[in-house]
Amino acid sequence: MEKMIDMDKKILSIFFLLIIVISATVLFVTLNQSSSQEDQQNYSPAEGLSDEDISNEIDDEFLSEDDEIDIGEMV
């Protein structure tokens, strides 16, 4: 009978530990999610950027004006 009571105490303590771990995980996820939503709401893109500006920046990154590509090299 004593072994049964000890086993019940172990099962209950494991159950309570499991509840604590699950609640801590849920709390962490909700706090992390709310902070990421605030960051997204506070984000505002730079003013005055046009598609042409972005295209020019990409072109400058991949191909500077000093580089030349011959059609034969591409094939």
PDB file of N, CA and C in Angstrom:
ATOM      1  N   MET A   1       0.818  -1.200   0.000  1.00  0.00           N
ATOM      2  CA  MET A   1       0.000   0.000   0.000  1.00  0.00           C
ATOM      3  C   MET A   1       0.863   1.266   0.000  1.00  0.00           C
ATOM      4  N   GLU A   2       1.954   1.218   0.753  1.00  0.00           N
ATOM      5  CA  GLU A   2       2.844   2.371   0.820  1.00  0.00           C
ATOM      6  C   GLU A   2       3.493   2.644  -0.531  1.00  0.00           C
ATOM      7  N   LYS A   3       3.799   1.599  -1.264  1.00  0.00           N
ATOM      8  CA  LYS A   3       4.407   1.755  -2.581  1.00  0.00           C
ATOM      9  C   LYS A   3       3.433   2.438  -3.538  1.00  0.00           C
ATOM     10  N   MET A   4       2.177   2.112  -3.369  1.00  0.00           N
ATOM     11  CA  MET A   4       1.153   2.710  -4.223  1.00  0.00           C
ATOM     12  C   MET A   4       1.029   4.202  -3.953  1.00  0.00           C
ATOM     13  N   ILE A   5       1.114   4.601  -2.705  1.00  0.00           N
ATOM     14  CA  ILE A   5       1.025   6.014  -2.341  1.00  0.00           C
ATOM     15  C   ILE A   5       2.248   6.765  -2.864  1.00  0.00           C
ATOM     16  N   ASP A   6       3.441   6.155  -2.743  1.00  0.00           N
ATOM     17  CA  ASP A   6       4.645   6.784  -3.273  1.00  0.00           C
ATOM     18  C   ASP A   6       4.557   6.956  -4.789  1.00  0.00           C
ATOM     19  N   MET A   7       4.013   5.944  -5.455  1.00  0.00           N
ATOM     20  CA  MET A   7       3.869   6.006  -6.903  1.00  0.00           C
ATOM     21  C   MET A   7       2.889   7.106  -7.289  1.00  0.00           C
ATOM     22  N   ASP A   8       1.796   7.248  -6.542  1.00  0.00           N
ATOM     23  CA  ASP A   8       0.824   8.303  -6.817  1.00  0.00           C
ATOM     24  C   ASP A   8       1.453   9.683  -6.632  1.00  0.00           C
ATOM     25  N   LYS A   9       2.292   9.844  -5.623  1.00  0.00           N
ATOM     26  CA  LYS A   9       2.959  11.126  -5.398  1.00  0.00           C
ATOM     27  C   LYS A   9       3.908  11.447  -6.534  1.00  0.00           C
ATOM     28  N   LYS A  10       4.611  10.448  -7.020  1.00  0.00           N
ATOM     29  CA  LYS A  10       5.526  10.666  -8.141  1.00  0.00           C
ATOM     30  C   LYS A  10       4.762  11.053  -9.399  1.00  0.00           C
ATOM     31  N   ILE A  11       3.669  10.367  -9.637  1.00  0.00           N
ATOM     32  CA  ILE A  11       2.855  10.673 -10.816  1.00  0.00           C
ATOM     33  C   ILE A  11       2.294  12.085 -10.719  1.00  0.00           C
ATOM     34  N   LEU A  12       1.793  12.472  -9.563  1.00  0.00           N
ATOM     35  CA  LEU A  12       1.261  13.826  -9.384  1.00  0.00           C
ATOM     36  C   LEU A  12       2.347  14.882  -9.541  1.00  0.00           C
ATOM     37  N   SER A  13       3.524  14.629  -8.987  1.00  0.00           N
ATOM     38  CA  SER A  13       4.595  15.623  -9.114  1.00  0.00           C
ATOM     39  C   SER A  13       5.040  15.755 -10.571  1.00  0.00           C
ATOM     40  N   ILE A  14       5.127  14.655 -11.300  1.00  0.00           N
ATOM     41  CA  ILE A  14       5.472  14.724 -12.729  1.00  0.00           C
ATOM     42  C   ILE A  14       4.385  15.460 -13.501  1.00  0.00           C
ATOM     43  N   PHE A  15       3.133  15.206 -13.157  1.00  0.00           N
ATOM     44  CA  PHE A  15       2.019  15.875 -13.819  1.00  0.00           C
ATOM     45  C   PHE A  15       2.081  17.390 -13.598  1.00  0.00           C
ATOM     46  N   PHE A  16       2.348  17.818 -12.345  1.00  0.00           N
ATOM     47  CA  PHE A  16       2.444  19.250 -12.056  1.00  0.00           C
ATOM     48  C   PHE A  16       3.648  19.881 -12.743  1.00  0.00           C
ATOM     49  N   LEU A  17       4.763  19.181 -12.801  1.00  0.00           N
ATOM     50  CA  LEU A  17       5.924  19.690 -13.525  1.00  0.00           C
ATOM     51  C   LEU A  17       5.620  19.847 -15.011  1.00  0.00           C
ATOM     52  N   LEU A  18       4.902  18.900 -15.555  1.00  0.00           N
ATOM     53  CA  LEU A  18       4.516  18.987 -16.962  1.00  0.00           C
ATOM     54  C   LEU A  18       3.612  20.183 -17.211  1.00  0.00           C
ATOM     55  N   ILE A  19       2.685  20.431 -16.326  1.00  0.00           N
ATOM     56  CA  ILE A  19       1.800  21.594 -16.453  1.00  0.00           C
ATOM     57  C   ILE A  19       2.608  22.887 -16.380  1.00  0.00           C
ATOM     58  N   ILE A  20       3.585  22.947 -15.489  1.00  0.00           N
ATOM     59  CA  ILE A  20       4.414  24.145 -15.363  1.00  0.00           C
ATOM     60  C   ILE A  20       5.222  24.379 -16.632  1.00  0.00           C
ATOM     61  N   VAL A  21       5.803  23.320 -17.195  1.00  0.00           N
ATOM     62  CA  VAL A  21       6.593  23.460 -18.419  1.00  0.00           C
ATOM     63  C   VAL A  21       5.718  23.904 -19.581  1.00  0.00           C
ATOM     64  N   ILE A  22       4.542  23.327 -19.714  1.00  0.00           N
ATOM     65  CA  ILE A  22       3.638  23.699 -20.811  1.00  0.00           C
ATOM     66  C   ILE A  22       3.175  25.148 -20.660  1.00  0.00           C
ATOM     67  N   SER A  23       2.832  25.550 -19.445  1.00  0.00           N
ATOM     68  CA  SER A  23       2.371  26.936 -19.262  1.00  0.00           C
ATOM     69  C   SER A  23       3.505  27.928 -19.501  1.00  0.00           C
ATOM     70  N   ALA A  24       4.732  27.579 -19.119  1.00  0.00           N
ATOM     71  CA  ALA A  24       5.865  28.466 -19.387  1.00  0.00           C
ATOM     72  C   ALA A  24       6.107  28.595 -20.886  1.00  0.00           C
ATOM     73  N   THR A  25       5.954  27.492 -21.615  1.00  0.00           N
ATOM     74  CA  THR A  25       6.128  27.530 -23.070  1.00  0.00           C
ATOM     75  C   THR A  25       5.065  28.402 -23.726  1.00  0.00           C
ATOM     76  N   VAL A  26       3.827  28.247 -23.308  1.00  0.00           N
ATOM     77  CA  VAL A  26       2.737  29.052 -23.877  1.00  0.00           C
ATOM     78  C   VAL A  26       2.956  30.529 -23.565  1.00  0.00           C
ATOM     79  N   LEU A  27       3.383  30.835 -22.347  1.00  0.00           N
ATOM     80  CA  LEU A  27       3.645  32.219 -21.974  1.00  0.00           C
ATOM     81  C   LEU A  27       4.770  32.807 -22.816  1.00  0.00           C
ATOM     82  N   PHE A  28       5.825  32.055 -23.015  1.00  0.00           N
ATOM     83  CA  PHE A  28       6.949  32.531 -23.828  1.00  0.00           C
ATOM     84  C   PHE A  28       6.519  32.791 -25.264  1.00  0.00           C
ATOM     85  N   VAL A  29       5.743  31.889 -25.845  1.00  0.00           N
ATOM     86  CA  VAL A  29       5.306  32.052 -27.231  1.00  0.00           C
ATOM     87  C   VAL A  29       4.409  33.281 -27.374  1.00  0.00           C
ATOM     88  N   THR A  30       3.496  33.472 -26.442  1.00  0.00           N
ATOM     89  CA  THR A  30       2.595  34.626 -26.562  1.00  0.00           C
ATOM     90  C   THR A  30       3.347  35.943 -26.374  1.00  0.00           C
ATOM     91  N   LEU A  31       4.277  35.992 -25.440  1.00  0.00           N
ATOM     92  CA  LEU A  31       5.049  37.224 -25.256  1.00  0.00           C
ATOM     93  C   LEU A  31       5.944  37.496 -26.457  1.00  0.00           C
ATOM     94  N   ASN A  32       6.543  36.458 -26.999  1.00  0.00           N
ATOM     95  CA  ASN A  32       7.413  36.616 -28.156  1.00  0.00           C
ATOM     96  C   ASN A  32       6.608  37.048 -29.378  1.00  0.00           C
ATOM     97  N   GLN A  33       5.422  36.511 -29.530  1.00  0.00           N
ATOM     98  CA  GLN A  33       4.577  36.851 -30.674  1.00  0.00           C
ATOM     99  C   GLN A  33       4.089  38.292 -30.577  1.00  0.00           C
ATOM    100  N   SER A  34       3.729  38.747 -29.389  1.00  0.00           N
ATOM    101  CA  SER A  34       3.234  40.120 -29.254  1.00  0.00           C
ATOM    102  C   SER A  34       4.347  41.130 -29.505  1.00  0.00           C
ATOM    103  N   SER A  35       5.575  40.819 -29.098  1.00  0.00           N
ATOM    104  CA  SER A  35       6.674  41.750 -29.347  1.00  0.00           C
ATOM    105  C   SER A  35       7.025  41.801 -30.832  1.00  0.00           C
ATOM    106  N   SER A  36       6.911  40.674 -31.534  1.00  0.00           N
ATOM    107  CA  SER A  36       7.211  40.691 -32.967  1.00  0.00           C
ATOM    108  C   SER A  36       6.124  41.444 -33.735  1.00  0.00           C
ATOM    109  N   GLN A  37       4.881  41.373 -33.265  1.00  0.00           N
ATOM    110  CA  GLN A  37       3.816  42.135 -33.919  1.00  0.00           C
ATOM    111  C   GLN A  37       4.020  43.631 -33.714  1.00  0.00           C
ATOM    112  N   GLU A  38       4.507  44.040 -32.546  1.00  0.00           N
ATOM    113  CA  GLU A  38       4.782  45.455 -32.304  1.00  0.00           C
ATOM    114  C   GLU A  38       5.908  45.940 -33.201  1.00  0.00           C
ATOM    115  N   ASP A  39       6.924  45.095 -33.410  1.00  0.00           N
ATOM    116  CA  ASP A  39       8.020  45.479 -34.290  1.00  0.00           C
ATOM    117  C   ASP A  39       7.534  45.665 -35.722  1.00  0.00           C
ATOM    118  N   GLN A  40       6.623  44.795 -36.163  1.00  0.00           N
ATOM    119  CA  GLN A  40       6.106  44.914 -37.521  1.00  0.00           C
ATOM    120  C   GLN A  40       5.245  46.167 -37.667  1.00  0.00           C
ATOM    121  N   GLN A  41       4.504  46.530 -36.633  1.00  0.00           N
ATOM    122  CA  GLN A  41       3.650  47.711 -36.713  1.00  0.00           C
ATOM    123  C   GLN A  41       4.480  48.985 -36.710  1.00  0.00           C
ATOM    124  N   ASN A  42       5.613  48.977 -36.051  1.00  0.00           N
ATOM    125  CA  ASN A  42       6.460  50.166 -35.981  1.00  0.00           C
ATOM    126  C   ASN A  42       7.339  50.328 -37.206  1.00  0.00           C
ATOM    127  N   TYR A  43       7.404  49.340 -38.052  1.00  0.00           N
ATOM    128  CA  TYR A  43       8.258  49.406 -39.242  1.00  0.00           C
ATOM    129  C   TYR A  43       7.609  50.275 -40.295  1.00  0.00           C
ATOM    130  N   SER A  44       8.364  51.228 -40.795  1.00  0.00           N
ATOM    131  CA  SER A  44       7.872  52.035 -41.908  1.00  0.00           C
ATOM    132  C   SER A  44       8.986  52.106 -42.942  1.00  0.00           C
ATOM    133  N   PRO A  45       8.685  51.792 -44.179  1.00  0.00           N
ATOM    134  CA  PRO A  45       9.722  51.816 -45.215  1.00  0.00           C
ATOM    135  C   PRO A  45      10.201  53.232 -45.475  1.00  0.00           C
ATOM    136  N   ALA A  46      11.376  53.325 -46.040  1.00  0.00           N
ATOM    137  CA  ALA A  46      11.962  54.637 -46.320  1.00  0.00           C
ATOM    138  C   ALA A  46      11.076  55.396 -47.306  1.00  0.00           C
ATOM    139  N   GLU A  47      10.940  56.673 -47.055  1.00  0.00           N
ATOM    140  CA  GLU A  47      10.102  57.504 -47.918  1.00  0.00           C
ATOM    141  C   GLU A  47      10.851  57.842 -49.201  1.00  0.00           C
ATOM    142  N   GLY A  48      10.135  57.968 -50.288  1.00  0.00           N
ATOM    143  CA  GLY A  48      10.702  58.440 -51.528  1.00  0.00           C
ATOM    144  C   GLY A  48      11.446  57.396 -52.337  1.00  0.00           C
ATOM    145  N   LEU A  49      11.325  56.130 -52.010  1.00  0.00           N
ATOM    146  CA  LEU A  49      11.970  55.092 -52.814  1.00  0.00           C
ATOM    147  C   LEU A  49      11.039  54.687 -53.949  1.00  0.00           C
ATOM    148  N   SER A  50      11.565  54.711 -55.134  1.00  0.00           N
ATOM    149  CA  SER A  50      10.770  54.286 -56.276  1.00  0.00           C
ATOM    150  C   SER A  50      11.312  52.963 -56.788  1.00  0.00           C
ATOM    151  N   ASP A  51      10.575  52.367 -57.687  1.00  0.00           N
ATOM    152  CA  ASP A  51      11.018  51.102 -58.282  1.00  0.00           C
ATOM    153  C   ASP A  51      12.318  51.291 -59.052  1.00  0.00           C
ATOM    154  N   GLU A  52      12.476  52.454 -59.656  1.00  0.00           N
ATOM    155  CA  GLU A  52      13.698  52.726 -60.417  1.00  0.00           C
ATOM    156  C   GLU A  52      14.915  52.812 -59.493  1.00  0.00           C
ATOM    157  N   ASP A  53      14.747  53.427 -58.333  1.00  0.00           N
ATOM    158  CA  ASP A  53      15.850  53.503 -57.368  1.00  0.00           C
ATOM    159  C   ASP A  53      16.280  52.112 -56.911  1.00  0.00           C
ATOM    160  N   ILE A  54      15.313  51.284 -56.623  1.00  0.00           N
ATOM    161  CA  ILE A  54      15.616  49.921 -56.185  1.00  0.00           C
ATOM    162  C   ILE A  54      16.296  49.148 -57.301  1.00  0.00           C
ATOM    163  N   SER A  55      15.801  49.293 -58.518  1.00  0.00           N
ATOM    164  CA  SER A  55      16.390  48.599 -59.664  1.00  0.00           C
ATOM    165  C   SER A  55      17.833  49.053 -59.892  1.00  0.00           C
ATOM    166  N   ASN A  56      18.088  50.345 -59.758  1.00  0.00           N
ATOM    167  CA  ASN A  56      19.447  50.857 -59.923  1.00  0.00           C
ATOM    168  C   ASN A  56      20.385  50.317 -58.852  1.00  0.00           C
ATOM    169  N   GLU A  57      19.913  50.222 -57.630  1.00  0.00           N
ATOM    170  CA  GLU A  57      20.748  49.683 -56.554  1.00  0.00           C
ATOM    171  C   GLU A  57      21.092  48.219 -56.817  1.00  0.00           C
ATOM    172  N   ILE A  58      20.125  47.453 -57.282  1.00  0.00           N
ATOM    173  CA  ILE A  58      20.379  46.040 -57.592  1.00  0.00           C
ATOM    174  C   ILE A  58      21.364  45.927 -58.746  1.00  0.00           C
ATOM    175  N   ASP A  59      21.175  46.738 -59.777  1.00  0.00           N
ATOM    176  CA  ASP A  59      22.100  46.716 -60.910  1.00  0.00           C
ATOM    177  C   ASP A  59      23.517  47.072 -60.470  1.00  0.00           C
ATOM    178  N   ASP A  60      23.644  48.062 -59.606  1.00  0.00           N
ATOM    179  CA  ASP A  60      24.965  48.474 -59.127  1.00  0.00           C
ATOM    180  C   ASP A  60      25.642  47.377 -58.316  1.00  0.00           C
ATOM    181  N   GLU A  61      24.860  46.614 -57.584  1.00  0.00           N
ATOM    182  CA  GLU A  61      25.437  45.531 -56.778  1.00  0.00           C
ATOM    183  C   GLU A  61      25.978  44.410 -57.657  1.00  0.00           C
ATOM    184  N   PHE A  62      25.215  44.025 -58.661  1.00  0.00           N
ATOM    185  CA  PHE A  62      25.586  42.865 -59.467  1.00  0.00           C
ATOM    186  C   PHE A  62      26.499  43.198 -60.640  1.00  0.00           C
ATOM    187  N   LEU A  63      26.414  44.387 -61.158  1.00  0.00           N
ATOM    188  CA  LEU A  63      27.184  44.738 -62.347  1.00  0.00           C
ATOM    189  C   LEU A  63      27.606  46.197 -62.244  1.00  0.00           C
ATOM    190  N   SER A  64      28.858  46.417 -61.935  1.00  0.00           N
ATOM    191  CA  SER A  64      29.319  47.798 -61.873  1.00  0.00           C
ATOM    192  C   SER A  64      29.556  48.300 -63.297  1.00  0.00           C
ATOM    193  N   GLU A  65      29.709  49.583 -63.450  1.00  0.00           N
ATOM    194  CA  GLU A  65      29.851  50.166 -64.787  1.00  0.00           C
ATOM    195  C   GLU A  65      31.157  49.771 -65.447  1.00  0.00           C
ATOM    196  N   ASP A  66      32.165  49.399 -64.666  1.00  0.00           N
ATOM    197  CA  ASP A  66      33.454  49.004 -65.225  1.00  0.00           C
ATOM    198  C   ASP A  66      33.395  47.610 -65.852  1.00  0.00           C
ATOM    199  N   ASP A  67      32.480  46.791 -65.400  1.00  0.00           N
ATOM    200  CA  ASP A  67      32.369  45.428 -65.925  1.00  0.00           C
ATOM    201  C   ASP A  67      31.595  45.441 -67.234  1.00  0.00           C
ATOM    202  N   GLU A  68      32.083  44.646 -68.156  1.00  0.00           N
ATOM    203  CA  GLU A  68      31.382  44.513 -69.421  1.00  0.00           C
ATOM    204  C   GLU A  68      31.101  43.039 -69.656  1.00  0.00           C
ATOM    205  N   ILE A  69      29.967  42.784 -70.239  1.00  0.00           N
ATOM    206  CA  ILE A  69      29.612  41.408 -70.570  1.00  0.00           C
ATOM    207  C   ILE A  69      29.463  41.325 -72.074  1.00  0.00           C
ATOM    208  N   ASP A  70      30.229  40.423 -72.675  1.00  0.00           N
ATOM    209  CA  ASP A  70      30.088  40.190 -74.092  1.00  0.00           C
ATOM    210  C   ASP A  70      29.070  39.074 -74.310  1.00  0.00           C
ATOM    211  N   ILE A  71      28.354  39.161 -75.409  1.00  0.00           N
ATOM    212  CA  ILE A  71      27.346  38.154 -75.696  1.00  0.00           C
ATOM    213  C   ILE A  71      27.979  36.768 -75.780  1.00  0.00           C
ATOM    214  N   GLY A  72      29.170  36.683 -76.325  1.00  0.00           N
ATOM    215  CA  GLY A  72      29.845  35.393 -76.439  1.00  0.00           C
ATOM    216  C   GLY A  72      30.177  34.772 -75.101  1.00  0.00           C
ATOM    217  N   GLU A  73      30.499  35.593 -74.107  1.00  0.00           N
ATOM    218  CA  GLU A  73      30.790  35.076 -72.767  1.00  0.00           C
ATOM    219  C   GLU A  73      29.541  34.534 -72.089  1.00  0.00           C
ATOM    220  N   MET A  74      28.399  35.099 -72.407  1.00  0.00           N
ATOM    221  CA  MET A  74      27.173  34.643 -71.774  1.00  0.00           C
ATOM    222  C   MET A  74      26.789  33.248 -72.282  1.00  0.00           C
ATOM    223  N   VAL A  75      27.069  32.987 -73.554  1.00  0.00           N
ATOM    224  CA  VAL A  75      26.685  31.694 -74.134  1.00  0.00           C
ATOM    225  C   VAL A  75      27.719  30.690 -73.699  1.00  0.00           C
TER     226      VAL A  75
END
